[in-house]
C-alpha atoms as a PDB file:
ATOM      1  CA  UNK A   1       8.118  63.326  42.005  1.00  0.00           C
ATOM      2  CA  UNK A   2       9.539  66.794  42.121  1.00  0.00           C
ATOM      3  CA  UNK A   3      11.803  68.763  39.790  1.00  0.00           C
ATOM      4  CA  UNK A   4      13.727  66.673  37.214  1.00  0.00           C
ATOM      5  CA  UNK A   5      12.713  63.346  38.762  1.00  0.00           C
ATOM      6  CA  UNK A   6      13.887  64.155  42.287  1.00  0.00           C
ATOM      7  CA  UNK A   7      11.610  63.476  45.229  1.00  0.00           C
ATOM      8  CA  UNK A   8      10.025  66.215  47.270  1.00  0.00           C
ATOM      9  CA  UNK A   9      10.782  66.536  50.986  1.00  0.00           C
ATOM     10  CA  UNK A  10       7.106  65.981  51.771  1.00  0.00           C
ATOM     11  CA  UNK A  11       7.055  62.683  49.868  1.00  0.00           C
ATOM     12  CA  UNK A  12      10.241  61.523  51.596  1.00  0.00           C
ATOM     13  CA  UNK A  13       8.825  62.442  55.006  1.00  0.00           C
ATOM     14  CA  UNK A  14       5.565  60.590  54.374  1.00  0.00           C
ATOM     15  CA  UNK A  15       7.385  57.439  53.275  1.00  0.00           C
ATOM     16  CA  UNK A  16       9.713  57.510  56.295  1.00  0.00           C
ATOM     17  CA  UNK A  17       6.734  58.065  58.601  1.00  0.00           C
ATOM     18  CA  UNK A  18       4.817  55.111  57.140  1.00  0.00           C
ATOM     19  CA  UNK A  19       7.716  52.653  56.798  1.00  0.00           C
ATOM     20  CA  UNK A  20       9.902  53.472  59.819  1.00  0.00           C
ATOM     21  CA  UNK A  21       8.301  55.707  62.434  1.00  0.00           C
ATOM     22  CA  UNK A  22       4.896  53.994  62.563  1.00  0.00           C
ATOM     23  CA  UNK A  23       6.422  50.481  62.825  1.00  0.00           C
ATOM     24  CA  UNK A  24       8.756  51.779  65.540  1.00  0.00           C
ATOM     25  CA  UNK A  25       5.849  53.275  67.484  1.00  0.00           C
ATOM     26  CA  UNK A  26       3.748  50.136  67.064  1.00  0.00           C
ATOM     27  CA  UNK A  27       6.567  47.827  68.173  1.00  0.00           C
ATOM     28  CA  UNK A  28       7.516  49.914  71.191  1.00  0.00           C
ATOM     29  CA  UNK A  29       3.855  50.277  72.204  1.00  0.00           C
ATOM     30  CA  UNK A  30       3.310  46.513  71.990  1.00  0.00           C
ATOM     31  CA  UNK A  31       6.508  45.992  73.944  1.00  0.00           C
ATOM     32  CA  UNK A  32       5.448  48.445  76.659  1.00  0.00           C
ATOM     33  CA  UNK A  33       1.923  47.070  76.944  1.00  0.00           C
ATOM     34  CA  UNK A  34       2.427  43.322  76.460  1.00  0.00           C
ATOM     35  CA  UNK A  35       6.094  42.388  76.709  1.00  0.00           C
ATOM     36  CA  UNK A  36       5.265  39.271  78.738  1.00  0.00           C
ATOM     37  CA  UNK A  37       2.971  37.956  75.984  1.00  0.00           C
ATOM     38  CA  UNK A  38       4.970  39.215  73.011  1.00  0.00           C
ATOM     39  CA  UNK A  39       7.280  36.625  71.424  1.00  0.00           C
ATOM     40  CA  UNK A  40       8.176  37.976  67.992  1.00  0.00           C
ATOM     41  CA  UNK A  41       7.799  40.982  65.732  1.00  0.00           C
ATOM     42  CA  UNK A  42       8.244  40.687  61.983  1.00  0.00           C
ATOM     43  CA  UNK A  43       8.699  43.823  59.913  1.00  0.00           C
ATOM     44  CA  UNK A  44       8.031  44.007  56.192  1.00  0.00           C
ATOM     45  CA  UNK A  45      10.976  45.188  54.153  1.00  0.00           C
ATOM     46  CA  UNK A  46      11.865  45.115  50.486  1.00  0.00           C
ATOM     47  CA  UNK A  47      14.685  44.127  48.191  1.00  0.00           C
ATOM     48  CA  UNK A  48      15.114  47.872  47.744  1.00  0.00           C
ATOM     49  CA  UNK A  49      16.174  48.188  51.379  1.00  0.00           C
ATOM     50  CA  UNK A  50      19.341  46.320  50.361  1.00  0.00           C
ATOM     51  CA  UNK A  51      19.992  47.346  46.757  1.00  0.00           C
ATOM     52  CA  UNK A  52      19.319  50.398  44.623  1.00  0.00           C
ATOM     53  CA  UNK A  53      16.762  50.431  41.843  1.00  0.00           C
ATOM     54  CA  UNK A  54      18.077  48.715  38.723  1.00  0.00           C
ATOM     55  CA  UNK A  55      17.876  50.991  35.652  1.00  0.00           C
ATOM     56  CA  UNK A  56      17.302  47.937  33.410  1.00  0.00           C
ATOM     57  CA  UNK A  57      13.997  47.309  35.152  1.00  0.00           C
ATOM     58  CA  UNK A  58      12.793  50.840  34.571  1.00  0.00           C
ATOM     59  CA  UNK A  59      13.966  51.034  30.967  1.00  0.00           C
ATOM     60  CA  UNK A  60      16.925  53.211  31.970  1.00  0.00           C
ATOM     61  CA  UNK A  61      14.859  55.783  33.893  1.00  0.00           C
ATOM     62  CA  UNK A  62      15.145  55.070  37.609  1.00  0.00           C
ATOM     63  CA  UNK A  63      13.422  58.379  38.340  1.00  0.00           C
ATOM     64  CA  UNK A  64      10.250  56.376  37.594  1.00  0.00           C
ATOM     65  CA  UNK A  65      10.951  54.649  40.942  1.00  0.00           C
ATOM     66  CA  UNK A  66      10.742  56.941  44.002  1.00  0.00           C
ATOM     67  CA  UNK A  67      14.042  57.066  45.903  1.00  0.00           C
ATOM     68  CA  UNK A  68      12.293  57.459  49.254  1.00  0.00           C
ATOM     69  CA  UNK A  69      10.880  53.926  49.097  1.00  0.00           C
ATOM     70  CA  UNK A  70      14.333  52.295  49.189  1.00  0.00           C
ATOM     71  CA  UNK A  71      15.599  54.725  51.808  1.00  0.00           C
ATOM     72  CA  UNK A  72      12.660  53.946  54.085  1.00  0.00           C
ATOM     73  CA  UNK A  73      12.990  50.184  53.562  1.00  0.00           C
ATOM     74  CA  UNK A  74      16.690  50.391  54.461  1.00  0.00           C
ATOM     75  CA  UNK A  75      15.495  52.162  57.603  1.00  0.00           C
ATOM     76  CA  UNK A  76      13.087  49.349  58.540  1.00  0.00           C
ATOM     77  CA  UNK A  77      15.850  46.799  57.939  1.00  0.00           C
ATOM     78  CA  UNK A  78      18.074  48.647  60.412  1.00  0.00           C
ATOM     79  CA  UNK A  79      15.227  49.284  62.849  1.00  0.00           C
ATOM     80  CA  UNK A  80      14.804  45.503  62.953  1.00  0.00           C
ATOM     81  CA  UNK A  81      18.384  45.126  64.218  1.00  0.00           C
ATOM     82  CA  UNK A  82      18.043  47.886  66.789  1.00  0.00           C
ATOM     83  CA  UNK A  83      14.787  46.522  68.210  1.00  0.00           C
ATOM     84  CA  UNK A  84      16.169  42.977  68.280  1.00  0.00           C
ATOM     85  CA  UNK A  85      18.961  44.188  70.563  1.00  0.00           C
ATOM     86  CA  UNK A  86      16.640  46.195  72.799  1.00  0.00           C
ATOM     87  CA  UNK A  87      13.933  43.525  73.129  1.00  0.00           C
ATOM     88  CA  UNK A  88      16.223  40.495  73.442  1.00  0.00           C
ATOM     89  CA  UNK A  89      16.477  40.823  77.237  1.00  0.00           C
ATOM     90  CA  UNK A  90      12.784  39.889  77.345  1.00  0.00           C
ATOM     91  CA  UNK A  91      13.159  36.981  74.890  1.00  0.00           C
ATOM     92  CA  UNK A  92      11.391  38.836  72.095  1.00  0.00           C
ATOM     93  CA  UNK A  93      12.713  38.247  68.599  1.00  0.00           C
ATOM     94  CA  UNK A  94      12.516  40.932  65.919  1.00  0.00           C
ATOM     95  CA  UNK A  95      13.072  40.081  62.264  1.00  0.00           C
ATOM     96  CA  UNK A  96      12.152  41.360  58.838  1.00  0.00           C
ATOM     97  CA  UNK A  97      11.198  39.866  55.487  1.00  0.00           C
ATOM     98  CA  UNK A  98      12.484  41.754  52.442  1.00  0.00           C
ATOM     99  CA  UNK A  99      10.245  40.795  49.566  1.00  0.00           C
ATOM    100  CA  UNK A 100      10.999  41.043  45.905  1.00  0.00           C
ATOM    101  CA  UNK A 101       8.429  41.939  43.304  1.00  0.00           C
ATOM    102  CA  UNK A 102       5.125  40.092  43.465  1.00  0.00           C
ATOM    103  CA  UNK A 103       3.364  39.491  40.173  1.00  0.00           C
ATOM    104  CA  UNK A 104      -0.242  40.397  39.583  1.00  0.00           C
ATOM    105  CA  UNK A 105      -0.210  44.189  39.585  1.00  0.00           C
ATOM    106  CA  UNK A 106       2.266  44.841  36.784  1.00  0.00           C
ATOM    107  CA  UNK A 107       2.026  44.857  33.013  1.00  0.00           C
ATOM    108  CA  UNK A 108       3.580  42.115  30.875  1.00  0.00           C
ATOM    109  CA  UNK A 109       6.486  44.296  29.757  1.00  0.00           C
ATOM    110  CA  UNK A 110       7.532  45.066  33.343  1.00  0.00           C
ATOM    111  CA  UNK A 111       7.067  41.419  34.347  1.00  0.00           C
ATOM    112  CA  UNK A 112       9.349  40.293  31.509  1.00  0.00           C
ATOM    113  CA  UNK A 113      12.096  42.800  32.445  1.00  0.00           C
ATOM    114  CA  UNK A 114      11.843  41.905  36.128  1.00  0.00           C
ATOM    115  CA  UNK A 115      11.959  38.164  35.433  1.00  0.00           C
ATOM    116  CA  UNK A 116      15.150  38.579  33.402  1.00  0.00           C
ATOM    117  CA  UNK A 117      16.832  40.187  36.431  1.00  0.00           C
ATOM    118  CA  UNK A 118      15.855  37.528  38.984  1.00  0.00           C
ATOM    119  CA  UNK A 119      17.774  34.248  39.260  1.00  0.00           C
ATOM    120  CA  UNK A 120      14.503  32.290  39.559  1.00  0.00           C
ATOM    121  CA  UNK A 121      13.419  33.888  36.270  1.00  0.00           C
ATOM    122  CA  UNK A 122      10.093  35.250  37.499  1.00  0.00           C
ATOM    123  CA  UNK A 123       8.343  37.489  39.968  1.00  0.00           C
ATOM    124  CA  UNK A 124       7.082  36.047  43.255  1.00  0.00           C
ATOM    125  CA  UNK A 125       3.649  34.482  43.297  1.00  0.00           C
ATOM    126  CA  UNK A 126       1.147  35.787  45.838  1.00  0.00           C
ATOM    127  CA  UNK A 127       1.015  32.367  47.512  1.00  0.00           C
ATOM    128  CA  UNK A 128       4.750  32.618  48.283  1.00  0.00           C
ATOM    129  CA  UNK A 129       4.385  35.676  50.523  1.00  0.00           C
ATOM    130  CA  UNK A 130       3.114  33.949  53.676  1.00  0.00           C
ATOM    131  CA  UNK A 131       5.840  31.272  53.962  1.00  0.00           C
ATOM    132  CA  UNK A 132       8.692  33.425  55.300  1.00  0.00           C
ATOM    133  CA  UNK A 133       6.305  35.122  57.738  1.00  0.00           C
ATOM    134  CA  UNK A 134       4.996  31.782  58.980  1.00  0.00           C
ATOM    135  CA  UNK A 135       8.556  30.571  59.524  1.00  0.00           C
ATOM    136  CA  UNK A 136       9.539  33.655  61.537  1.00  0.00           C
ATOM    137  CA  UNK A 137       6.426  33.400  63.694  1.00  0.00           C
ATOM    138  CA  UNK A 138       7.095  29.794  64.760  1.00  0.00           C
ATOM    139  CA  UNK A 139       9.587  28.178  67.113  1.00  0.00           C
ATOM    140  CA  UNK A 140      11.373  26.783  64.057  1.00  0.00           C
ATOM    141  CA  UNK A 141      13.068  30.193  63.864  1.00  0.00           C
ATOM    142  CA  UNK A 142      13.728  30.541  67.611  1.00  0.00           C
ATOM    143  CA  UNK A 143      17.449  31.135  67.014  1.00  0.00           C
ATOM    144  CA  UNK A 144      16.913  33.974  64.546  1.00  0.00           C
ATOM    145  CA  UNK A 145      16.663  37.585  65.637  1.00  0.00           C
ATOM    146  CA  UNK A 146      17.757  40.877  64.131  1.00  0.00           C
ATOM    147  CA  UNK A 147      17.843  39.569  60.588  1.00  0.00           C
ATOM    148  CA  UNK A 148      16.262  40.516  57.326  1.00  0.00           C
ATOM    149  CA  UNK A 149      15.396  37.461  55.270  1.00  0.00           C
ATOM    150  CA  UNK A 150      15.404  38.108  51.535  1.00  0.00           C
ATOM    151  CA  UNK A 151      12.365  36.492  49.921  1.00  0.00           C
ATOM    152  CA  UNK A 152      13.164  37.908  46.508  1.00  0.00           C
ATOM    153  CA  UNK A 153      13.838  35.008  44.162  1.00  0.00           C
ATOM    154  CA  UNK A 154      17.542  35.784  44.390  1.00  0.00           C
ATOM    155  CA  UNK A 155      17.200  39.373  43.149  1.00  0.00           C
ATOM    156  CA  UNK A 156      19.696  40.782  45.665  1.00  0.00           C
ATOM    157  CA  UNK A 157      22.413  38.166  45.063  1.00  0.00           C
ATOM    158  CA  UNK A 158      23.395  39.678  41.702  1.00  0.00           C
END
């Protein structure tokens, strides 16, 4: 974090590279090399690609949360739409899962604040992460492309 809680250009560039440019390069490389075998691509997004950081979660100081993370996740959400359009002619689906907070790596105080802001009243459990991915990788989701599925316990509906 730079001056007065603002992010540095270097930090923003690194986040955008990791969360948008690298997935773009990977997807387009797979498409170029194996488009006949490729059926679906699923990007990993975040609730923060759809909503801004909630000050109540960070005890009123959102500068604790780096702005570049949400900006990059919004980018991967949109990249999902763009690639879905471009790859659809070859029957390749592109989707994204936007996860909410997963418990296990946070302290009890943060977990309590987060849980109060989620309709399900808790953070996600680690064993809940695979389900949306499994769904998007099967034929059960054959009619879905270009979408970001929120697996966030309802966080983004408020």
